[in-house]
Amino acid sequence: MARVGTLPQGGCGLRVAIVGTGIAGNMAAYKLRDGFDVTVFEAAGYIGGHTNTIDVEEEDRTVAAATW
């Protein structure tokens, strides 16, 4: 039996679904990738969730702005 806080090594054959590609979803998929068959689902046309950054043109410069 695995201890709390440890992940299976070398693949245990279990499938995991991650819903959303925000910070939490991306980190969960990253941490689980070696021990599980991970599938990530995202409804938006981009990854990042609320951490999405867009470029905004201002007069003579481009500014990076976070979207919420």
C-alpha atoms as a PDB file:
ATOM      1  CA  MET A   1       0.000   0.000   0.000  1.00  0.00           C
ATOM      2  CA  ALA A   2       1.319   3.451  -0.927  1.00  0.00           C
ATOM      3  CA  ARG A   3       1.884   6.045   1.766  1.00  0.00           C
ATOM      4  CA  VAL A   4      -0.144   9.246   1.692  1.00  0.00           C
ATOM      5  CA  GLY A   5       1.622  11.766  -0.540  1.00  0.00           C
ATOM      6  CA  THR A   6       3.404   9.240  -2.745  1.00  0.00           C
ATOM      7  CA  LEU A   7       2.548   8.399  -6.346  1.00  0.00           C
ATOM      8  CA  PRO A   8       2.880   5.054  -8.113  1.00  0.00           C
ATOM      9  CA  GLN A   9       6.064   4.724 -10.133  1.00  0.00           C
ATOM     10  CA  GLY A  10       6.345   3.166 -13.575  1.00  0.00           C
ATOM     11  CA  GLY A  11       2.640   3.293 -14.376  1.00  0.00           C
ATOM     12  CA  CYS A  12      -0.135   1.582 -12.490  1.00  0.00           C
ATOM     13  CA  GLY A  13      -2.571   1.381 -15.403  1.00  0.00           C
ATOM     14  CA  LEU A  14      -5.156   3.728 -13.907  1.00  0.00           C
ATOM     15  CA  ARG A  15      -6.650   6.441 -16.085  1.00  0.00           C
ATOM     16  CA  VAL A  16      -7.105   9.985 -14.737  1.00  0.00           C
ATOM     17  CA  ALA A  17      -9.103  12.861 -16.257  1.00  0.00           C
ATOM     18  CA  ILE A  18      -8.007  16.431 -15.525  1.00  0.00           C
ATOM     19  CA  VAL A  19     -10.675  19.048 -16.266  1.00  0.00           C
ATOM     20  CA  GLY A  20      -9.223  22.478 -16.970  1.00  0.00           C
ATOM     21  CA  THR A  21      -5.774  23.745 -17.874  1.00  0.00           C
ATOM     22  CA  GLY A  22      -5.355  26.416 -15.252  1.00  0.00           C
ATOM     23  CA  ILE A  23      -2.448  26.316 -12.818  1.00  0.00           C
ATOM     24  CA  ALA A  24      -4.009  23.507 -10.757  1.00  0.00           C
ATOM     25  CA  GLY A  25      -4.951  21.352 -13.760  1.00  0.00           C
ATOM     26  CA  ASN A  26      -1.548  21.744 -15.402  1.00  0.00           C
ATOM     27  CA  MET A  27       0.288  20.914 -12.171  1.00  0.00           C
ATOM     28  CA  ALA A  28      -1.937  17.899 -11.489  1.00  0.00           C
ATOM     29  CA  ALA A  29      -1.303  16.550 -14.992  1.00  0.00           C
ATOM     30  CA  TYR A  30       2.443  17.157 -14.615  1.00  0.00           C
ATOM     31  CA  LYS A  31       2.678  15.427 -11.232  1.00  0.00           C
ATOM     32  CA  LEU A  32       0.522  12.442 -12.274  1.00  0.00           C
ATOM     33  CA  ARG A  33       2.073  11.869 -15.721  1.00  0.00           C
ATOM     34  CA  ASP A  34       4.550   9.151 -14.696  1.00  0.00           C
ATOM     35  CA  GLY A  35       2.173   7.026 -12.630  1.00  0.00           C
ATOM     36  CA  PHE A  36      -1.101   7.319 -14.518  1.00  0.00           C
ATOM     37  CA  ASP A  37      -2.611   7.496 -18.003  1.00  0.00           C
ATOM     38  CA  VAL A  38      -3.576  11.214 -17.896  1.00  0.00           C
ATOM     39  CA  THR A  39      -6.073  12.920 -20.224  1.00  0.00           C
ATOM     40  CA  VAL A  40      -6.569  16.697 -19.966  1.00  0.00           C
ATOM     41  CA  PHE A  41      -9.795  18.423 -21.059  1.00  0.00           C
ATOM     42  CA  GLU A  42     -10.115  22.160 -21.751  1.00  0.00           C
ATOM     43  CA  ALA A  43     -13.232  23.983 -22.986  1.00  0.00           C
ATOM     44  CA  ALA A  44     -11.477  27.215 -23.994  1.00  0.00           C
ATOM     45  CA  GLY A  45      -9.424  27.604 -27.143  1.00  0.00           C
ATOM     46  CA  TYR A  46      -6.237  28.149 -25.108  1.00  0.00           C
ATOM     47  CA  ILE A  47      -4.480  26.699 -22.095  1.00  0.00           C
ATOM     48  CA  GLY A  48      -3.787  28.566 -18.885  1.00  0.00           C
ATOM     49  CA  GLY A  49      -7.211  29.265 -17.401  1.00  0.00           C
ATOM     50  CA  HIS A  50      -7.243  32.609 -15.611  1.00  0.00           C
ATOM     51  CA  THR A  51      -3.502  32.943 -16.117  1.00  0.00           C
ATOM     52  CA  ASN A  52      -4.017  33.797 -19.782  1.00  0.00           C
ATOM     53  CA  THR A  53      -1.993  36.790 -20.969  1.00  0.00           C
ATOM     54  CA  ILE A  54      -2.799  38.843 -24.061  1.00  0.00           C
ATOM     55  CA  ASP A  55      -0.907  41.606 -25.850  1.00  0.00           C
ATOM     56  CA  VAL A  56      -2.576  45.023 -25.874  1.00  0.00           C
ATOM     57  CA  GLU A  57      -1.462  47.694 -28.313  1.00  0.00           C
ATOM     58  CA  GLU A  58      -1.033  51.145 -26.694  1.00  0.00           C
ATOM     59  CA  GLU A  59      -0.021  54.047 -28.891  1.00  0.00           C
ATOM     60  CA  ASP A  60       3.643  53.234 -29.608  1.00  0.00           C
ATOM     61  CA  ARG A  61       4.091  50.079 -27.532  1.00  0.00           C
ATOM     62  CA  THR A  62       2.695  46.640 -26.772  1.00  0.00           C
ATOM     63  CA  VAL A  63       1.768  45.801 -23.170  1.00  0.00           C
ATOM     64  CA  ALA A  64       1.174  42.301 -21.774  1.00  0.00           C
ATOM     65  CA  ALA A  65      -2.090  42.154 -19.810  1.00  0.00           C
ATOM     66  CA  ALA A  66      -3.497  39.337 -17.687  1.00  0.00           C
ATOM     67  CA  THR A  67      -7.101  38.382 -18.369  1.00  0.00           C
ATOM     68  CA  TRP A  68      -9.447  37.375 -15.561  1.00  0.00           C
END
